[in-house]
Amino acid sequence: MTRVDEAVTVSVNQNGEPIGFRWRDQCFLVMNRPVRWFARKEWWVESARVQRGIGAGVLETEMWRLSANCQDQVMQFELVHQAISNRWQLVRVFGN
């Protein structure tokens, strides 16, 4: 597993699931249905204090694990989606 933490451009289907993404000038096609879950953010790193009662979106982040193919090489990836800003970040690559 390699930790990456790089911004990526992601294409999604009508349900908001990733179907492909672009990373380091290469296009990756998602091979199966991605798995979605929510994880706690490291809010203590992002800000000095989170305001009380502001909502789960501040403390939780949307995570996706998927298998994707690029030039006949299939690897697993973990992506983070920041729903408020609609930004995607590649955080881990498995099998690199």
PDB file of N, CA and C in Angstrom:
ATOM      1  N   MET A   1       0.832  -1.169   0.000  1.00  0.00           N
ATOM      2  CA  MET A   1       0.000   0.000   0.000  1.00  0.00           C
ATOM      3  C   MET A   1       0.888   1.248   0.000  1.00  0.00           C
ATOM      4  N   THR A   2       0.500   2.202  -0.819  1.00  0.00           N
ATOM      5  CA  THR A   2       1.218   3.466  -0.904  1.00  0.00           C
ATOM      6  C   THR A   2       0.268   4.600  -0.554  1.00  0.00           C
ATOM      7  N   ARG A   3       0.668   5.461   0.339  1.00  0.00           N
ATOM      8  CA  ARG A   3      -0.130   6.646   0.683  1.00  0.00           C
ATOM      9  C   ARG A   3       0.199   7.727  -0.338  1.00  0.00           C
ATOM     10  N   VAL A   4      -0.849   8.356  -0.914  1.00  0.00           N
ATOM     11  CA  VAL A   4      -0.638   9.284  -2.023  1.00  0.00           C
ATOM     12  C   VAL A   4      -1.025  10.716  -1.671  1.00  0.00           C
ATOM     13  N   ASP A   5      -2.272  10.958  -1.294  1.00  0.00           N
ATOM     14  CA  ASP A   5      -2.789  12.297  -0.991  1.00  0.00           C
ATOM     15  C   ASP A   5      -2.616  13.280  -2.143  1.00  0.00           C
ATOM     16  N   GLU A   6      -3.213  12.950  -3.299  1.00  0.00           N
ATOM     17  CA  GLU A   6      -3.170  13.823  -4.473  1.00  0.00           C
ATOM     18  C   GLU A   6      -4.584  14.051  -5.002  1.00  0.00           C
ATOM     19  N   ALA A   7      -4.841  15.250  -5.472  1.00  0.00           N
ATOM     20  CA  ALA A   7      -6.134  15.570  -6.077  1.00  0.00           C
ATOM     21  C   ALA A   7      -6.296  14.800  -7.382  1.00  0.00           C
ATOM     22  N   VAL A   8      -7.521  14.323  -7.635  1.00  0.00           N
ATOM     23  CA  VAL A   8      -7.835  13.619  -8.874  1.00  0.00           C
ATOM     24  C   VAL A   8      -9.154  14.155  -9.431  1.00  0.00           C
ATOM     25  N   THR A   9      -9.327  13.993 -10.728  1.00  0.00           N
ATOM     26  CA  THR A   9     -10.579  14.330 -11.388  1.00  0.00           C
ATOM     27  C   THR A   9     -11.374  13.049 -11.547  1.00  0.00           C
ATOM     28  N   VAL A  10     -12.601  13.028 -11.028  1.00  0.00           N
ATOM     29  CA  VAL A  10     -13.400  11.806 -10.984  1.00  0.00           C
ATOM     30  C   VAL A  10     -14.687  11.988 -11.783  1.00  0.00           C
ATOM     31  N   SER A  11     -15.036  10.979 -12.578  1.00  0.00           N
ATOM     32  CA  SER A  11     -16.339  10.916 -13.247  1.00  0.00           C
ATOM     33  C   SER A  11     -17.224   9.990 -12.433  1.00  0.00           C
ATOM     34  N   VAL A  12     -18.479  10.384 -12.259  1.00  0.00           N
ATOM     35  CA  VAL A  12     -19.415   9.591 -11.463  1.00  0.00           C
ATOM     36  C   VAL A  12     -20.647   9.249 -12.293  1.00  0.00           C
ATOM     37  N   ASN A  13     -21.367   8.204 -11.862  1.00  0.00           N
ATOM     38  CA  ASN A  13     -22.627   7.855 -12.506  1.00  0.00           C
ATOM     39  C   ASN A  13     -23.764   8.646 -11.870  1.00  0.00           C
ATOM     40  N   GLN A  14     -25.004   8.359 -12.265  1.00  0.00           N
ATOM     41  CA  GLN A  14     -26.154   9.105 -11.764  1.00  0.00           C
ATOM     42  C   GLN A  14     -26.374   8.926 -10.264  1.00  0.00           C
ATOM     43  N   ASN A  15     -25.785   7.885  -9.658  1.00  0.00           N
ATOM     44  CA  ASN A  15     -25.894   7.655  -8.216  1.00  0.00           C
ATOM     45  C   ASN A  15     -24.743   8.290  -7.436  1.00  0.00           C
ATOM     46  N   GLY A  16     -23.826   8.946  -8.126  1.00  0.00           N
ATOM     47  CA  GLY A  16     -22.690   9.578  -7.465  1.00  0.00           C
ATOM     48  C   GLY A  16     -21.522   8.641  -7.211  1.00  0.00           C
ATOM     49  N   GLU A  17     -21.567   7.427  -7.787  1.00  0.00           N
ATOM     50  CA  GLU A  17     -20.480   6.455  -7.618  1.00  0.00           C
ATOM     51  C   GLU A  17     -19.388   6.704  -8.661  1.00  0.00           C
ATOM     52  N   PRO A  18     -18.132   6.631  -8.256  1.00  0.00           N
ATOM     53  CA  PRO A  18     -17.040   6.813  -9.225  1.00  0.00           C
ATOM     54  C   PRO A  18     -17.066   5.730 -10.309  1.00  0.00           C
ATOM     55  N   ILE A  19     -16.914   6.161 -11.566  1.00  0.00           N
ATOM     56  CA  ILE A  19     -16.827   5.215 -12.687  1.00  0.00           C
ATOM     57  C   ILE A  19     -15.490   5.332 -13.415  1.00  0.00           C
ATOM     58  N   GLY A  20     -14.757   6.384 -13.125  1.00  0.00           N
ATOM     59  CA  GLY A  20     -13.444   6.583 -13.716  1.00  0.00           C
ATOM     60  C   GLY A  20     -12.780   7.798 -13.097  1.00  0.00           C
ATOM     61  N   PHE A  21     -11.449   7.865 -13.230  1.00  0.00           N
ATOM     62  CA  PHE A  21     -10.736   9.032 -12.719  1.00  0.00           C
ATOM     63  C   PHE A  21      -9.434   9.221 -13.470  1.00  0.00           C
ATOM     64  N   ARG A  22      -8.912  10.424 -13.369  1.00  0.00           N
ATOM     65  CA  ARG A  22      -7.653  10.786 -14.017  1.00  0.00           C
ATOM     66  C   ARG A  22      -6.641  11.112 -12.929  1.00  0.00           C
ATOM     67  N   TRP A  23      -5.484  10.430 -13.014  1.00  0.00           N
ATOM     68  CA  TRP A  23      -4.422  10.613 -12.025  1.00  0.00           C
ATOM     69  C   TRP A  23      -3.076  10.536 -12.730  1.00  0.00           C
ATOM     70  N   ARG A  24      -2.245  11.531 -12.502  1.00  0.00           N
ATOM     71  CA  ARG A  24      -0.907  11.608 -13.103  1.00  0.00           C
ATOM     72  C   ARG A  24      -0.946  11.390 -14.616  1.00  0.00           C
ATOM     73  N   ASP A  25      -1.840  12.104 -15.263  1.00  0.00           N
ATOM     74  CA  ASP A  25      -2.010  12.077 -16.722  1.00  0.00           C
ATOM     75  C   ASP A  25      -2.387  10.713 -17.275  1.00  0.00           C
ATOM     76  N   GLN A  26      -2.994   9.861 -16.453  1.00  0.00           N
ATOM     77  CA  GLN A  26      -3.492   8.570 -16.922  1.00  0.00           C
ATOM     78  C   GLN A  26      -4.954   8.433 -16.545  1.00  0.00           C
ATOM     79  N   CYS A  27      -5.717   7.771 -17.412  1.00  0.00           N
ATOM     80  CA  CYS A  27      -7.137   7.541 -17.162  1.00  0.00           C
ATOM     81  C   CYS A  27      -7.337   6.142 -16.595  1.00  0.00           C
ATOM     82  N   PHE A  28      -8.126   6.043 -15.548  1.00  0.00           N
ATOM     83  CA  PHE A  28      -8.428   4.776 -14.889  1.00  0.00           C
ATOM     84  C   PHE A  28      -9.922   4.522 -14.992  1.00  0.00           C
ATOM     85  N   LEU A  29     -10.289   3.316 -15.385  1.00  0.00           N
ATOM     86  CA  LEU A  29     -11.681   2.907 -15.512  1.00  0.00           C
ATOM     87  C   LEU A  29     -12.021   1.977 -14.357  1.00  0.00           C
ATOM     88  N   VAL A  30     -13.063   2.324 -13.601  1.00  0.00           N
ATOM     89  CA  VAL A  30     -13.475   1.508 -12.456  1.00  0.00           C
ATOM     90  C   VAL A  30     -14.031   0.182 -12.972  1.00  0.00           C
ATOM     91  N   MET A  31     -13.552  -0.926 -12.392  1.00  0.00           N
ATOM     92  CA  MET A  31     -13.859  -2.264 -12.882  1.00  0.00           C
ATOM     93  C   MET A  31     -15.066  -2.918 -12.199  1.00  0.00           C
ATOM     94  N   ASN A  32     -15.402  -2.483 -10.992  1.00  0.00           N
ATOM     95  CA  ASN A  32     -16.517  -3.090 -10.271  1.00  0.00           C
ATOM     96  C   ASN A  32     -17.239  -2.002  -9.493  1.00  0.00           C
ATOM     97  N   ARG A  33     -18.291  -2.405  -8.801  1.00  0.00           N
ATOM     98  CA  ARG A  33     -19.022  -1.412  -8.009  1.00  0.00           C
ATOM     99  C   ARG A  33     -18.177  -1.009  -6.806  1.00  0.00           C
ATOM    100  N   PRO A  34     -17.888   0.284  -6.655  1.00  0.00           N
ATOM    101  CA  PRO A  34     -17.050   0.724  -5.542  1.00  0.00           C
ATOM    102  C   PRO A  34     -17.769   0.577  -4.200  1.00  0.00           C
ATOM    103  N   VAL A  35     -16.968   0.453  -3.139  1.00  0.00           N
ATOM    104  CA  VAL A  35     -17.490   0.345  -1.776  1.00  0.00           C
ATOM    105  C   VAL A  35     -17.377   1.712  -1.121  1.00  0.00           C
ATOM    106  N   ARG A  36     -18.476   2.155  -0.531  1.00  0.00           N
ATOM    107  CA  ARG A  36     -18.523   3.481   0.100  1.00  0.00           C
ATOM    108  C   ARG A  36     -18.691   3.328   1.608  1.00  0.00           C
ATOM    109  N   TRP A  37     -17.987   4.184   2.365  1.00  0.00           N
ATOM    110  CA  TRP A  37     -18.182   4.259   3.801  1.00  0.00           C
ATOM    111  C   TRP A  37     -17.788   5.661   4.267  1.00  0.00           C
ATOM    112  N   PHE A  38     -18.057   5.930   5.527  1.00  0.00           N
ATOM    113  CA  PHE A  38     -17.709   7.224   6.102  1.00  0.00           C
ATOM    114  C   PHE A  38     -16.691   7.014   7.215  1.00  0.00           C
ATOM    115  N   ALA A  39     -15.693   7.872   7.264  1.00  0.00           N
ATOM    116  CA  ALA A  39     -14.635   7.799   8.274  1.00  0.00           C
ATOM    117  C   ALA A  39     -14.534   9.152   8.967  1.00  0.00           C
ATOM    118  N   ARG A  40     -13.990   9.134  10.150  1.00  0.00           N
ATOM    119  CA  ARG A  40     -13.775  10.385  10.890  1.00  0.00           C
ATOM    120  C   ARG A  40     -12.619  11.160  10.287  1.00  0.00           C
ATOM    121  N   LYS A  41     -12.808  12.448  10.132  1.00  0.00           N
ATOM    122  CA  LYS A  41     -11.729  13.332   9.675  1.00  0.00           C
ATOM    123  C   LYS A  41     -10.769  13.579  10.828  1.00  0.00           C
ATOM    124  N   GLU A  42      -9.573  13.916  10.492  1.00  0.00           N
ATOM    125  CA  GLU A  42      -8.602  14.358  11.493  1.00  0.00           C
ATOM    126  C   GLU A  42      -8.817  15.847  11.697  1.00  0.00           C
ATOM    127  N   TRP A  43      -9.938  16.195  12.327  1.00  0.00           N
ATOM    128  CA  TRP A  43     -10.323  17.592  12.464  1.00  0.00           C
ATOM    129  C   TRP A  43      -9.322  18.386  13.276  1.00  0.00           C
ATOM    130  N   TRP A  44      -8.609  17.708  14.169  1.00  0.00           N
ATOM    131  CA  TRP A  44      -7.619  18.420  14.974  1.00  0.00           C
ATOM    132  C   TRP A  44      -6.440  18.890  14.129  1.00  0.00           C
ATOM    133  N   VAL A  45      -6.261  18.268  12.954  1.00  0.00           N
ATOM    134  CA  VAL A  45      -5.220  18.701  12.030  1.00  0.00           C
ATOM    135  C   VAL A  45      -5.740  19.834  11.152  1.00  0.00           C
ATOM    136  N   GLU A  46      -7.019  19.743  10.754  1.00  0.00           N
ATOM    137  CA  GLU A  46      -7.600  20.700   9.818  1.00  0.00           C
ATOM    138  C   GLU A  46      -7.938  22.043  10.443  1.00  0.00           C
ATOM    139  N   SER A  47      -8.322  22.041  11.698  1.00  0.00           N
ATOM    140  CA  SER A  47      -8.669  23.305  12.342  1.00  0.00           C
ATOM    141  C   SER A  47      -8.437  23.194  13.839  1.00  0.00           C
ATOM    142  N   ALA A  48      -8.305  24.343  14.468  1.00  0.00           N
ATOM    143  CA  ALA A  48      -8.049  24.353  15.906  1.00  0.00           C
ATOM    144  C   ALA A  48      -9.257  23.865  16.699  1.00  0.00           C
ATOM    145  N   ARG A  49     -10.460  24.128  16.219  1.00  0.00           N
ATOM    146  CA  ARG A  49     -11.653  23.724  16.944  1.00  0.00           C
ATOM    147  C   ARG A  49     -12.827  23.617  15.982  1.00  0.00           C
ATOM    148  N   VAL A  50     -13.612  22.576  16.158  1.00  0.00           N
ATOM    149  CA  VAL A  50     -14.833  22.402  15.387  1.00  0.00           C
ATOM    150  C   VAL A  50     -15.982  22.939  16.221  1.00  0.00           C
ATOM    151  N   GLN A  51     -16.805  23.775  15.615  1.00  0.00           N
ATOM    152  CA  GLN A  51     -17.924  24.349  16.352  1.00  0.00           C
ATOM    153  C   GLN A  51     -18.945  23.286  16.725  1.00  0.00           C
ATOM    154  N   ARG A  52     -19.460  23.375  17.903  1.00  0.00           N
ATOM    155  CA  ARG A  52     -20.459  22.441  18.404  1.00  0.00           C
ATOM    156  C   ARG A  52     -21.754  22.591  17.601  1.00  0.00           C
ATOM    157  N   GLY A  53     -22.361  21.446  17.241  1.00  0.00           N
ATOM    158  CA  GLY A  53     -23.651  21.442  16.572  1.00  0.00           C
ATOM    159  C   GLY A  53     -23.630  21.777  15.102  1.00  0.00           C
ATOM    160  N   ILE A  54     -22.466  21.746  14.490  1.00  0.00           N
ATOM    161  CA  ILE A  54     -22.354  22.144  13.088  1.00  0.00           C
ATOM    162  C   ILE A  54     -22.734  21.011  12.129  1.00  0.00           C
ATOM    163  N   GLY A  55     -22.717  19.757  12.586  1.00  0.00           N
ATOM    164  CA  GLY A  55     -23.160  18.646  11.752  1.00  0.00           C
ATOM    165  C   GLY A  55     -22.077  17.638  11.459  1.00  0.00           C
ATOM    166  N   ALA A  56     -22.543  16.461  11.007  1.00  0.00           N
ATOM    167  CA  ALA A  56     -21.635  15.344  10.755  1.00  0.00           C
ATOM    168  C   ALA A  56     -20.681  15.606   9.604  1.00  0.00           C
ATOM    169  N   GLY A  57     -21.046  16.476   8.664  1.00  0.00           N
ATOM    170  CA  GLY A  57     -20.191  16.740   7.525  1.00  0.00           C
ATOM    171  C   GLY A  57     -18.831  17.299   7.890  1.00  0.00           C
ATOM    172  N   VAL A  58     -18.727  17.915   9.045  1.00  0.00           N
ATOM    173  CA  VAL A  58     -17.454  18.461   9.483  1.00  0.00           C
ATOM    174  C   VAL A  58     -16.558  17.358  10.032  1.00  0.00           C
ATOM    175  N   LEU A  59     -17.139  16.383  10.690  1.00  0.00           N
ATOM    176  CA  LEU A  59     -16.359  15.341  11.350  1.00  0.00           C
ATOM    177  C   LEU A  59     -16.212  14.070  10.529  1.00  0.00           C
ATOM    178  N   GLU A  60     -17.028  13.889   9.513  1.00  0.00           N
ATOM    179  CA  GLU A  60     -16.974  12.674   8.718  1.00  0.00           C
ATOM    180  C   GLU A  60     -16.633  12.996   7.270  1.00  0.00           C
ATOM    181  N   THR A  61     -15.967  12.052   6.642  1.00  0.00           N
ATOM    182  CA  THR A  61     -15.606  12.203   5.239  1.00  0.00           C
ATOM    183  C   THR A  61     -16.037  10.959   4.478  1.00  0.00           C
ATOM    184  N   GLU A  62     -16.434  11.148   3.241  1.00  0.00           N
ATOM    185  CA  GLU A  62     -16.905  10.059   2.386  1.00  0.00           C
ATOM    186  C   GLU A  62     -15.699   9.362   1.749  1.00  0.00           C
ATOM    187  N   MET A  63     -15.596   8.065   1.945  1.00  0.00           N
ATOM    188  CA  MET A  63     -14.483   7.269   1.431  1.00  0.00           C
ATOM    189  C   MET A  63     -15.011   6.274   0.387  1.00  0.00           C
ATOM    190  N   TRP A  64     -14.173   5.974  -0.586  1.00  0.00           N
ATOM    191  CA  TRP A  64     -14.513   4.990  -1.611  1.00  0.00           C
ATOM    192  C   TRP A  64     -13.311   4.075  -1.837  1.00  0.00           C
ATOM    193  N   ARG A  65     -13.550   2.771  -1.888  1.00  0.00           N
ATOM    194  CA  ARG A  65     -12.509   1.818  -2.303  1.00  0.00           C
ATOM    195  C   ARG A  65     -12.988   1.172  -3.588  1.00  0.00           C
ATOM    196  N   LEU A  66     -12.075   1.079  -4.565  1.00  0.00           N
ATOM    197  CA  LEU A  66     -12.459   0.552  -5.872  1.00  0.00           C
ATOM    198  C   LEU A  66     -11.265  -0.081  -6.567  1.00  0.00           C
ATOM    199  N   SER A  67     -11.583  -0.933  -7.523  1.00  0.00           N
ATOM    200  CA  SER A  67     -10.574  -1.495  -8.426  1.00  0.00           C
ATOM    201  C   SER A  67     -10.703  -0.768  -9.751  1.00  0.00           C
ATOM    202  N   ALA A  68      -9.562  -0.389 -10.321  1.00  0.00           N
ATOM    203  CA  ALA A  68      -9.580   0.338 -11.582  1.00  0.00           C
ATOM    204  C   ALA A  68      -8.472  -0.164 -12.489  1.00  0.00           C
ATOM    205  N   ASN A  69      -8.714  -0.021 -13.782  1.00  0.00           N
ATOM    206  CA  ASN A  69      -7.823  -0.528 -14.808  1.00  0.00           C
ATOM    207  C   ASN A  69      -7.233   0.633 -15.598  1.00  0.00           C
ATOM    208  N   CYS A  70      -5.930   0.550 -15.827  1.00  0.00           N
ATOM    209  CA  CYS A  70      -5.243   1.495 -16.700  1.00  0.00           C
ATOM    210  C   CYS A  70      -4.197   0.708 -17.488  1.00  0.00           C
ATOM    211  N   GLN A  71      -4.343   0.703 -18.788  1.00  0.00           N
ATOM    212  CA  GLN A  71      -3.399   0.009 -19.661  1.00  0.00           C
ATOM    213  C   GLN A  71      -3.192  -1.444 -19.217  1.00  0.00           C
ATOM    214  N   ASP A  72      -4.295  -2.148 -19.006  1.00  0.00           N
ATOM    215  CA  ASP A  72      -4.310  -3.572 -18.629  1.00  0.00           C
ATOM    216  C   ASP A  72      -3.667  -3.867 -17.283  1.00  0.00           C
ATOM    217  N   GLN A  73      -3.535  -2.878 -16.438  1.00  0.00           N
ATOM    218  CA  GLN A  73      -3.044  -3.086 -15.081  1.00  0.00           C
ATOM    219  C   GLN A  73      -4.171  -2.704 -14.123  1.00  0.00           C
ATOM    220  N   VAL A  74      -4.622  -3.683 -13.317  1.00  0.00           N
ATOM    221  CA  VAL A  74      -5.702  -3.450 -12.367  1.00  0.00           C
ATOM    222  C   VAL A  74      -5.101  -3.261 -10.971  1.00  0.00           C
ATOM    223  N   MET A  75      -5.517  -2.171 -10.319  1.00  0.00           N
ATOM    224  CA  MET A  75      -5.059  -1.877  -8.965  1.00  0.00           C
ATOM    225  C   MET A  75      -6.249  -1.447  -8.129  1.00  0.00           C
ATOM    226  N   GLN A  76      -6.071  -1.464  -6.812  1.00  0.00           N
ATOM    227  CA  GLN A  76      -7.101  -0.967  -5.912  1.00  0.00           C
ATOM    228  C   GLN A  76      -6.707   0.416  -5.410  1.00  0.00           C
ATOM    229  N   PHE A  77      -7.733   1.252  -5.208  1.00  0.00           N
ATOM    230  CA  PHE A  77      -7.526   2.625  -4.792  1.00  0.00           C
ATOM    231  C   PHE A  77      -8.504   2.999  -3.691  1.00  0.00           C
ATOM    232  N   GLU A  78      -8.113   3.961  -2.872  1.00  0.00           N
ATOM    233  CA  GLU A  78      -9.030   4.596  -1.934  1.00  0.00           C
ATOM    234  C   GLU A  78      -9.090   6.071  -2.267  1.00  0.00           C
ATOM    235  N   LEU A  79     -10.321   6.559  -2.427  1.00  0.00           N
ATOM    236  CA  LEU A  79     -10.568   7.957  -2.733  1.00  0.00           C
ATOM    237  C   LEU A  79     -11.352   8.600  -1.601  1.00  0.00           C
ATOM    238  N   VAL A  80     -11.134   9.884  -1.402  1.00  0.00           N
ATOM    239  CA  VAL A  80     -11.911  10.683  -0.455  1.00  0.00           C
ATOM    240  C   VAL A  80     -12.694  11.703  -1.272  1.00  0.00           C
ATOM    241  N   HIS A  81     -13.984  11.839  -0.940  1.00  0.00           N
ATOM    242  CA  HIS A  81     -14.823  12.835  -1.605  1.00  0.00           C
ATOM    243  C   HIS A  81     -15.270  13.869  -0.587  1.00  0.00           C
ATOM    244  N   GLN A  82     -14.915  15.128  -0.839  1.00  0.00           N
ATOM    245  CA  GLN A  82     -15.383  16.242  -0.009  1.00  0.00           C
ATOM    246  C   GLN A  82     -16.673  16.751  -0.648  1.00  0.00           C
ATOM    247  N   ALA A  83     -17.807  16.329  -0.099  1.00  0.00           N
ATOM    248  CA  ALA A  83     -19.102  16.598  -0.719  1.00  0.00           C
ATOM    249  C   ALA A  83     -19.406  18.084  -0.834  1.00  0.00           C
ATOM    250  N   ILE A  84     -19.048  18.870   0.171  1.00  0.00           N
ATOM    251  CA  ILE A  84     -19.376  20.295   0.163  1.00  0.00           C
ATOM    252  C   ILE A  84     -18.693  21.014  -0.999  1.00  0.00           C
ATOM    253  N   SER A  85     -17.424  20.705  -1.235  1.00  0.00           N
ATOM    254  CA  SER A  85     -16.666  21.359  -2.311  1.00  0.00           C
ATOM    255  C   SER A  85     -16.614  20.518  -3.585  1.00  0.00           C
ATOM    256  N   ASN A  86     -17.129  19.277  -3.523  1.00  0.00           N
ATOM    257  CA  ASN A  86     -17.088  18.308  -4.624  1.00  0.00           C
ATOM    258  C   ASN A  86     -15.660  18.054  -5.110  1.00  0.00           C
ATOM    259  N   ARG A  87     -14.728  18.019  -4.167  1.00  0.00           N
ATOM    260  CA  ARG A  87     -13.328  17.703  -4.493  1.00  0.00           C
ATOM    261  C   ARG A  87     -13.055  16.245  -4.172  1.00  0.00           C
ATOM    262  N   TRP A  88     -12.214  15.639  -5.002  1.00  0.00           N
ATOM    263  CA  TRP A  88     -11.813  14.246  -4.826  1.00  0.00           C
ATOM    264  C   TRP A  88     -10.315  14.185  -4.592  1.00  0.00           C
ATOM    265  N   GLN A  89      -9.911  13.257  -3.752  1.00  0.00           N
ATOM    266  CA  GLN A  89      -8.492  13.072  -3.464  1.00  0.00           C
ATOM    267  C   GLN A  89      -8.189  11.583  -3.414  1.00  0.00           C
ATOM    268  N   LEU A  90      -7.128  11.184  -4.097  1.00  0.00           N
ATOM    269  CA  LEU A  90      -6.638   9.815  -4.020  1.00  0.00           C
ATOM    270  C   LEU A  90      -5.744   9.720  -2.793  1.00  0.00           C
ATOM    271  N   VAL A  91      -6.073   8.799  -1.872  1.00  0.00           N
ATOM    272  CA  VAL A  91      -5.303   8.731  -0.636  1.00  0.00           C
ATOM    273  C   VAL A  91      -4.429   7.483  -0.534  1.00  0.00           C
ATOM    274  N   ARG A  92      -4.861   6.370  -1.153  1.00  0.00           N
ATOM    275  CA  ARG A  92      -4.064   5.133  -1.068  1.00  0.00           C
ATOM    276  C   ARG A  92      -4.153   4.356  -2.380  1.00  0.00           C
ATOM    277  N   VAL A  93      -3.026   3.716  -2.717  1.00  0.00           N
ATOM    278  CA  VAL A  93      -2.959   2.821  -3.878  1.00  0.00           C
ATOM    279  C   VAL A  93      -2.453   1.478  -3.370  1.00  0.00           C
ATOM    280  N   PHE A  94      -3.171   0.422  -3.709  1.00  0.00           N
ATOM    281  CA  PHE A  94      -2.806  -0.935  -3.328  1.00  0.00           C
ATOM    282  C   PHE A  94      -2.317  -1.685  -4.569  1.00  0.00           C
ATOM    283  N   GLY A  95      -1.233  -2.403  -4.429  1.00  0.00           N
ATOM    284  CA  GLY A  95      -0.729  -3.183  -5.555  1.00  0.00           C
ATOM    285  C   GLY A  95       0.084  -2.389  -6.537  1.00  0.00           C
ATOM    286  N   ASN A  96       0.660  -1.287  -6.089  1.00  0.00           N
ATOM    287  CA  ASN A  96       1.470  -0.438  -6.958  1.00  0.00           C
ATOM    288  C   ASN A  96       2.903  -0.896  -6.944  1.00  0.00           C
TER     289      ASN A  96
END
